[in-house]
Amino acid sequence: MITINGEQFDLQEIKLSDYLNEKNLKPERIAVELNGKILPKSKYNETILKDGDKAEVVSFVGGG
């Protein structure tokens, strides 16, 4: 199981950039925390989410 934003997915692994593309999330407008550490945007394309990983994806929203 991979947990993303509290939701569990029955996957063995998925490339982070593929997940973000599936969800239409633009890397320049999000931050990703993986297993308690902020992941640099430069690592999104090479990071494989694996069984047991916990990720939080946060979107930046403008407003005032």
Protein backbone atom coordinates (compact mmCIF):
# COMPACT_ATOMS: atom_id res chain seq x y z
CA MET A 1 0.00 0.00 0.00
CA ILE A 2 1.06 3.53 -0.79
CA THR A 3 -0.58 6.34 1.17
CA ILE A 4 -1.01 9.74 -0.49
CA ASN A 5 -2.79 12.53 1.40
CA GLY A 6 -4.25 9.95 3.77
CA GLU A 7 -5.72 7.83 0.98
CA GLN A 8 -4.36 4.32 0.56
CA PHE A 9 -3.63 2.92 -2.89
CA ASP A 10 -3.16 -0.79 -3.51
CA LEU A 11 -0.04 -0.32 -5.64
CA GLN A 12 3.39 -1.85 -5.36
CA GLU A 13 5.04 1.21 -6.91
CA ILE A 14 4.40 4.21 -9.16
CA LYS A 15 6.66 6.97 -10.42
CA LEU A 16 5.81 10.21 -8.60
CA SER A 17 5.74 12.23 -11.83
CA ASP A 18 3.26 9.74 -13.36
CA TYR A 19 0.97 10.07 -10.33
CA LEU A 20 1.14 13.87 -10.52
CA ASN A 21 0.33 13.80 -14.26
CA GLU A 22 -2.65 11.48 -13.67
CA LYS A 23 -4.00 13.94 -11.11
CA ASN A 24 -3.26 16.97 -13.35
CA LEU A 25 -1.00 18.46 -10.67
CA LYS A 26 1.60 20.93 -11.94
CA PRO A 27 4.98 20.57 -10.20
CA GLU A 28 5.48 24.34 -10.03
CA ARG A 29 2.28 24.69 -7.97
CA ILE A 30 2.79 21.90 -5.44
CA ALA A 31 5.09 20.63 -2.73
CA VAL A 32 5.59 16.96 -1.91
CA GLU A 33 6.54 15.52 1.46
CA LEU A 34 7.67 11.90 1.25
CA ASN A 35 8.05 9.89 4.44
CA GLY A 36 8.37 13.05 6.53
CA LYS A 37 10.86 14.91 4.31
CA ILE A 38 10.26 17.61 1.70
CA LEU A 39 11.17 16.26 -1.73
CA PRO A 40 13.00 18.65 -4.09
CA LYS A 41 11.13 19.26 -7.35
CA SER A 42 14.23 18.08 -9.22
CA LYS A 43 13.59 14.57 -7.79
CA TYR A 44 9.93 14.23 -8.86
CA ASN A 45 10.77 12.51 -12.17
CA GLU A 46 13.15 9.97 -10.66
CA THR A 47 11.27 9.16 -7.45
CA ILE A 48 9.41 5.85 -7.32
CA LEU A 49 6.73 5.60 -4.64
CA LYS A 50 6.97 2.12 -3.14
CA ASP A 51 4.94 -0.10 -0.85
CA GLY A 52 4.83 1.48 2.61
CA ASP A 53 5.60 5.04 1.45
CA LYS A 54 3.55 7.94 2.81
CA ALA A 55 3.32 11.12 0.76
CA GLU A 56 1.56 14.42 1.22
CA VAL A 57 0.96 16.58 -1.85
CA VAL A 58 0.10 20.20 -1.07
CA SER A 59 -1.14 22.70 -3.66
CA PHE A 60 -0.36 26.40 -3.50
CA VAL A 61 -3.45 28.59 -3.77
CA GLY A 62 -3.39 32.33 -4.34
CA GLY A 63 -5.83 34.69 -2.82
CA GLY A 64 -6.16 37.65 -0.61
